Amino acid sequence: MNFKQVEAFRAVMMTRSMTTAAGLLHTSQPNVSRWIALLEKTLGFVLFQRVGTRIIPTPEAEAFYADVERAFIGLESLNDSASSIRRRGTGLLRVGAVGSITQCVLPDAIRLFRQKFSDIPVVVNTGGSDVVAKWLATGVCDIGFCSLHTDLPGLHYERINTAHGAGIVPAAHPLAAKALLTPADFHDENFISLPAGSFNRAAIDRYFPDDARILSIETPYATTICTMVSKGLGISIVNPVVPRALAIPDLREIPFSEKVEFHSYAVTSDHHPVNTLARRMAECVRETFTALDMPATPG
């Protein structure tokens, strides 16, 4: 496959039209059709089906498009970097992070970063730990922050924080008066879970072998879980960094009796030098984690 074929595929996915895609690419519709056909031959699966005058992406096309978009994010980031170098003579910092760190740690970390590097643009990309690892391995990002190791070679993981899972309940919930939650306290309670099959979900579920929880809602983001708990939709166990950063008034964080560890790592690539900006950002993230390690004082 080549860039023209992938660019044509992306344009068709965005417009759902070979003709409109050709206009975006300043070429002809037959060229776009030919590039798509060549790409399908290379990939070994069909990308589009025709339904009347419309073209419908196949499930395989949707899955492939997700990776294509991540690649184009990297290209756009490189364009931003070149533009910044032209304007300032210095680069920009490209950060990749999982959702909880992006939403709960990076805002304060970037504020600290700005105290020393006030004029350096920062580009933040958010994805799962596996996606962040790919960005580091391919040089899309200068520094990454994730919650799990991956098996990609050439990456260096430095643990920068370990937090012990805490229970979260609505402030008006009967359990909110407890100083410690045990697995038995979750019996017959609506429980908002991380996705089935995820590492952190398994770390929590092992303490409920004869599960008497009511598994009512499942979502991949701890920030979403905290918001849902505050609305009275259930209770949960999360990395306490998240509720402390969000500081939701109607949410109560309570220690959990069992040991559930949530790790956070700074990720760099052995194939790309770690620059001063990336090192400083890692320091700022550590400082922010340290501040969030202090439990919130009940109001």
Protein backbone atom coordinates (compact mmCIF):
# COMPACT_ATOMS: atom_id res chain seq x y z
CA MET A 1 0.00 0.00 0.00
CA ASN A 2 1.12 3.57 -0.52
CA PHE A 3 0.19 6.98 0.87
CA LYS A 4 -2.10 7.92 -2.04
CA GLN A 5 -4.20 4.79 -1.50
CA VAL A 6 -4.53 5.42 2.24
CA GLU A 7 -5.26 9.12 1.68
CA ALA A 8 -7.98 8.19 -0.81
CA PHE A 9 -9.49 5.71 1.65
CA ARG A 10 -9.55 8.35 4.39
CA ALA A 11 -11.19 10.89 2.10
CA VAL A 12 -13.92 8.42 1.11
CA MET A 13 -14.53 7.49 4.75
CA MET A 14 -14.90 11.17 5.62
CA THR A 15 -17.20 12.05 2.71
CA ARG A 16 -18.91 8.71 1.96
CA SER A 17 -18.53 9.59 -1.72
CA MET A 18 -15.89 8.73 -4.32
CA THR A 19 -16.74 11.90 -6.27
CA THR A 20 -16.53 14.23 -3.28
CA ALA A 21 -13.34 12.54 -2.13
CA ALA A 22 -11.83 13.13 -5.57
CA GLY A 23 -12.63 16.84 -5.22
CA LEU A 24 -10.89 16.99 -1.83
CA LEU A 25 -7.82 15.31 -3.30
CA HIS A 26 -7.86 17.41 -6.51
CA THR A 27 -8.00 14.34 -8.70
CA SER A 28 -10.57 12.37 -10.69
CA GLN A 29 -13.18 9.92 -9.43
CA PRO A 30 -11.69 7.04 -11.50
CA ASN A 31 -8.33 7.64 -9.79
CA VAL A 32 -9.93 7.39 -6.36
CA SER A 33 -11.76 4.19 -7.36
CA ARG A 34 -8.53 2.70 -8.70
CA TRP A 35 -6.59 3.55 -5.51
CA ILE A 36 -9.33 2.03 -3.34
CA ALA A 37 -9.32 -1.15 -5.45
CA LEU A 38 -5.53 -1.44 -5.16
CA LEU A 39 -5.73 -0.90 -1.40
CA GLU A 40 -8.41 -3.60 -1.07
CA LYS A 41 -6.19 -5.99 -3.01
CA THR A 42 -3.25 -5.25 -0.69
CA LEU A 43 -5.30 -5.52 2.49
CA GLY A 44 -7.15 -8.64 1.44
CA PHE A 45 -10.62 -7.46 2.39
CA VAL A 46 -13.43 -5.33 0.97
CA LEU A 47 -13.63 -1.74 2.21
CA PHE A 48 -16.91 -0.49 0.72
CA GLN A 49 -20.20 -1.92 -0.45
CA ARG A 50 -22.60 -0.16 -2.82
CA VAL A 51 -26.23 0.22 -1.74
CA GLY A 52 -28.03 1.97 -4.56
CA THR A 53 -26.12 5.20 -5.21
CA ARG A 54 -24.48 5.14 -1.77
CA ILE A 55 -21.29 3.48 -0.63
CA ILE A 56 -21.27 1.91 2.83
CA PRO A 57 -18.03 1.12 4.71
CA THR A 58 -17.65 -2.50 5.80
CA PRO A 59 -16.87 -3.33 9.46
CA GLU A 60 -13.32 -4.06 8.33
CA ALA A 61 -13.10 -0.57 6.84
CA GLU A 62 -14.30 1.01 10.10
CA ALA A 63 -11.66 -0.90 12.07
CA PHE A 64 -8.91 0.03 9.59
CA TYR A 65 -10.05 3.68 9.60
CA ALA A 66 -9.41 3.96 13.35
CA ASP A 67 -5.71 3.16 12.81
CA VAL A 68 -5.55 5.41 9.74
CA GLU A 69 -6.89 8.36 11.76
CA ARG A 70 -4.27 7.79 14.46
CA ALA A 71 -1.57 7.83 11.78
CA PHE A 72 -2.90 11.08 10.32
CA ILE A 73 -2.98 12.64 13.80
CA GLY A 74 0.74 11.94 13.86
CA LEU A 75 1.25 13.58 10.48
CA GLU A 76 -0.73 16.64 11.55
CA SER A 77 1.34 16.82 14.72
CA LEU A 78 4.50 16.82 12.58
CA ASN A 79 3.08 19.69 10.54
CA ASP A 80 2.42 21.61 13.75
CA SER A 81 5.97 20.92 14.89
CA ALA A 82 7.47 22.22 11.63
CA SER A 83 5.30 25.33 11.78
CA SER A 84 6.36 25.98 15.37
CA ILE A 85 10.04 25.59 14.50
CA ARG A 86 9.61 28.12 11.70
CA ARG A 87 7.92 30.60 14.08
CA ARG A 88 10.02 30.18 17.21
CA GLY A 89 13.11 28.24 16.30
CA THR A 90 12.03 25.61 18.87
CA GLY A 91 9.77 22.59 18.66
CA LEU A 92 6.56 21.61 20.36
CA LEU A 93 5.95 18.91 22.93
CA ARG A 94 3.80 15.99 21.81
CA VAL A 95 2.23 14.04 24.67
CA GLY A 96 0.23 10.82 24.52
CA ALA A 97 -1.76 9.69 27.55
CA VAL A 98 -4.59 7.47 28.70
CA GLY A 99 -7.90 9.14 29.44
CA SER A 100 -7.63 9.33 33.24
CA ILE A 101 -4.23 11.03 33.08
CA THR A 102 -5.32 13.36 30.27
CA GLN A 103 -8.36 14.53 32.21
CA CYS A 104 -7.15 14.42 35.81
CA VAL A 105 -3.37 14.91 35.84
CA LEU A 106 -2.21 16.69 32.69
CA PRO A 107 -4.12 19.97 33.24
CA ASP A 108 -2.17 20.71 36.45
CA ALA A 109 1.02 19.19 35.03
CA ILE A 110 0.85 21.49 31.99
CA ARG A 111 0.24 24.45 34.31
CA LEU A 112 3.51 23.56 36.09
CA PHE A 113 5.24 23.03 32.73
CA ARG A 114 4.15 26.52 31.62
CA GLN A 115 5.99 28.08 34.55
CA LYS A 116 9.29 27.18 32.87
CA PHE A 117 8.32 26.86 29.19
CA SER A 118 5.59 29.44 28.69
CA ASP A 119 5.86 29.66 24.89
CA ILE A 120 6.15 25.98 23.93
CA PRO A 121 3.01 24.54 22.30
CA VAL A 122 1.82 21.25 23.78
CA VAL A 123 -0.15 18.73 21.72
CA VAL A 124 -2.04 16.14 23.79
CA ASN A 125 -3.32 12.93 22.17
CA THR A 126 -5.51 10.54 24.16
CA GLY A 127 -5.76 6.78 23.67
CA GLY A 128 -5.52 3.45 25.45
CA SER A 129 -2.19 2.21 26.82
CA ASP A 130 -1.61 0.14 23.65
CA VAL A 131 -2.22 3.17 21.43
CA VAL A 132 0.07 5.40 23.51
CA ALA A 133 2.78 2.74 23.19
CA LYS A 134 2.42 2.74 19.39
CA TRP A 135 2.71 6.53 19.30
CA LEU A 136 5.98 6.34 21.26
CA ALA A 137 7.35 3.48 19.17
CA THR A 138 6.71 5.35 15.92
CA GLY A 139 7.86 8.77 17.13
CA VAL A 140 4.41 10.37 16.99
CA CYS A 141 4.77 11.47 20.62
CA ASP A 142 7.81 12.61 22.63
CA ILE A 143 6.55 11.31 25.97
CA GLY A 144 3.69 9.03 26.95
CA PHE A 145 1.77 8.29 30.13
CA CYS A 146 -0.13 5.03 30.47
CA SER A 147 -1.47 2.56 33.00
CA LEU A 148 -0.26 -0.75 31.54
CA HIS A 149 2.88 -2.22 29.98
CA THR A 150 2.69 -3.43 26.40
CA ASP A 151 4.90 -5.94 24.59
CA LEU A 152 6.16 -3.48 21.96
CA PRO A 153 9.97 -3.64 21.84
CA GLY A 154 12.20 -0.63 22.36
CA LEU A 155 10.04 1.16 24.94
CA HIS A 156 11.11 2.18 28.42
CA TYR A 157 8.50 2.27 31.21
CA GLU A 158 9.16 4.20 34.41
CA ARG A 159 6.58 3.79 37.15
CA ILE A 160 5.70 7.27 38.38
CA ASN A 161 2.74 6.49 40.62
CA THR A 162 0.99 3.63 42.36
CA ALA A 163 -2.39 4.27 43.96
CA HIS A 164 -4.58 1.88 45.92
CA GLY A 165 -8.15 1.55 44.73
CA ALA A 166 -10.78 3.36 46.76
CA GLY A 167 -14.52 2.95 46.96
CA ILE A 168 -16.66 5.82 45.74
CA VAL A 169 -20.28 6.36 46.75
CA PRO A 170 -22.75 9.24 46.50
CA ALA A 171 -22.48 11.61 49.44
CA ALA A 172 -26.06 10.78 50.49
CA HIS A 173 -25.58 7.00 50.27
CA PRO A 174 -25.84 4.97 53.53
CA LEU A 175 -22.26 3.69 52.96
CA ALA A 176 -20.92 7.26 52.93
CA ALA A 177 -20.72 7.21 56.74
CA LYS A 178 -18.30 4.26 56.76
CA ALA A 179 -14.56 4.76 57.31
CA LEU A 180 -13.64 1.61 55.34
CA LEU A 181 -15.41 -0.44 52.70
CA THR A 182 -15.08 -4.22 52.49
CA PRO A 183 -16.25 -6.52 49.67
CA ALA A 184 -19.34 -7.38 51.71
CA ASP A 185 -20.43 -3.73 51.66
CA PHE A 186 -20.95 -3.99 47.89
CA HIS A 187 -23.47 -6.84 48.12
CA ASP A 188 -26.76 -6.04 46.38
CA GLU A 189 -25.45 -2.61 45.35
CA ASN A 190 -25.54 -1.29 41.77
CA PHE A 191 -21.89 -1.40 40.71
CA ILE A 192 -20.41 0.67 37.87
CA SER A 193 -17.55 -1.31 36.31
CA LEU A 194 -14.58 -0.87 34.06
CA PRO A 195 -14.80 -2.96 30.84
CA ALA A 196 -14.91 -6.74 31.11
CA GLY A 197 -11.55 -8.27 30.23
CA SER A 198 -9.53 -5.19 31.18
CA PHE A 199 -6.58 -5.57 33.56
CA ASN A 200 -7.90 -3.20 36.21
CA ARG A 201 -11.39 -4.74 36.07
CA ALA A 202 -9.84 -8.16 36.79
CA ALA A 203 -7.82 -6.71 39.69
CA ILE A 204 -11.07 -5.53 41.29
CA ASP A 205 -13.25 -8.54 40.45
CA ARG A 206 -10.91 -11.03 42.13
CA TYR A 207 -12.16 -9.76 45.50
CA PHE A 208 -15.72 -10.73 44.57
CA PRO A 209 -15.49 -14.48 43.83
CA ASP A 210 -19.12 -15.10 44.79
CA ASP A 211 -20.24 -11.89 43.22
CA ALA A 212 -23.30 -10.40 44.89
CA ARG A 213 -22.89 -7.00 43.27
CA ILE A 214 -25.42 -5.80 40.72
CA LEU A 215 -23.26 -5.05 37.67
CA SER A 216 -25.48 -2.34 36.24
CA ILE A 217 -23.22 -0.13 34.11
CA GLU A 218 -19.90 -0.67 32.33
CA THR A 219 -17.69 2.13 30.97
CA PRO A 220 -13.95 2.45 30.17
CA TYR A 221 -13.41 5.83 31.82
CA ALA A 222 -12.98 6.36 35.57
CA THR A 223 -14.01 9.99 35.11
CA THR A 224 -17.35 8.81 33.72
CA ILE A 225 -17.73 6.35 36.60
CA CYS A 226 -17.20 9.14 39.14
CA THR A 227 -19.80 11.35 37.49
CA MET A 228 -22.32 8.50 37.35
CA VAL A 229 -21.74 7.64 41.00
CA SER A 230 -22.28 11.27 41.98
CA LYS A 231 -25.65 11.11 40.17
CA GLY A 232 -26.73 8.16 42.30
CA LEU A 233 -26.46 5.54 39.55
CA GLY A 234 -24.34 3.15 41.61
CA ILE A 235 -21.09 2.77 43.53
CA SER A 236 -17.65 1.67 42.38
CA ILE A 237 -13.94 1.18 43.03
CA VAL A 238 -11.51 3.42 41.13
CA ASN A 239 -8.05 4.90 41.16
CA PRO A 240 -8.45 7.57 43.89
CA VAL A 241 -6.46 10.05 41.83
CA VAL A 242 -9.54 10.49 39.65
CA PRO A 243 -12.13 11.55 42.27
CA ARG A 244 -9.54 13.73 44.00
CA ALA A 245 -8.77 15.57 40.77
CA LEU A 246 -12.44 15.95 39.85
CA ALA A 247 -13.43 17.10 43.35
CA ILE A 248 -17.13 16.41 42.74
CA PRO A 249 -19.07 17.72 45.77
CA ASP A 250 -21.64 14.87 45.78
CA LEU A 251 -19.00 12.13 45.73
CA ARG A 252 -17.40 10.44 48.73
CA GLU A 253 -14.08 8.55 48.51
CA ILE A 254 -13.67 5.76 51.09
CA PRO A 255 -10.66 3.43 51.48
CA PHE A 256 -11.17 -0.15 50.27
CA SER A 257 -10.03 -2.96 52.58
CA GLU A 258 -8.42 -5.00 49.80
CA LYS A 259 -5.28 -4.21 47.82
CA VAL A 260 -6.13 -3.04 44.30
CA GLU A 261 -3.14 -1.30 42.71
CA PHE A 262 -3.42 1.22 39.90
CA HIS A 263 -0.04 1.94 38.29
CA SER A 264 0.92 4.88 36.10
CA TYR A 265 3.99 4.93 33.88
CA ALA A 266 5.99 7.45 31.90
CA VAL A 267 6.88 5.90 28.54
CA THR A 268 9.79 6.78 26.28
CA SER A 269 11.31 5.12 23.24
CA ASP A 270 14.84 3.77 23.07
CA HIS A 271 14.88 4.76 19.38
CA HIS A 272 14.11 8.44 19.90
CA PRO A 273 16.08 10.74 22.23
CA VAL A 274 14.18 12.14 25.21
CA ASN A 275 14.40 15.91 24.94
CA THR A 276 14.41 18.51 27.70
CA LEU A 277 10.73 19.32 27.21
CA ALA A 278 9.67 15.69 27.62
CA ARG A 279 11.80 15.26 30.73
CA ARG A 280 10.29 18.38 32.28
CA MET A 281 6.76 17.21 31.50
CA ALA A 282 7.48 13.87 33.21
CA GLU A 283 8.65 15.78 36.29
CA CYS A 284 5.47 17.89 36.26
CA VAL A 285 3.29 14.79 36.00
CA ARG A 286 5.11 13.24 38.98
CA GLU A 287 4.60 16.42 41.01
CA THR A 288 0.89 16.43 40.18
CA PHE A 289 0.52 12.77 41.18
CA THR A 290 2.28 13.53 44.46
CA ALA A 291 -0.21 16.31 45.19
CA LEU A 292 -3.15 14.02 44.34
CA ASP A 293 -1.81 11.24 46.59
CA MET A 294 -3.08 13.23 49.57
CA PRO A 295 -6.67 12.12 50.35
CA ALA A 296 -9.28 14.83 50.12
CA THR A 297 -10.56 16.11 53.46
CA PRO A 298 -14.26 15.26 53.87
CA GLY A 299 -16.44 18.34 53.67
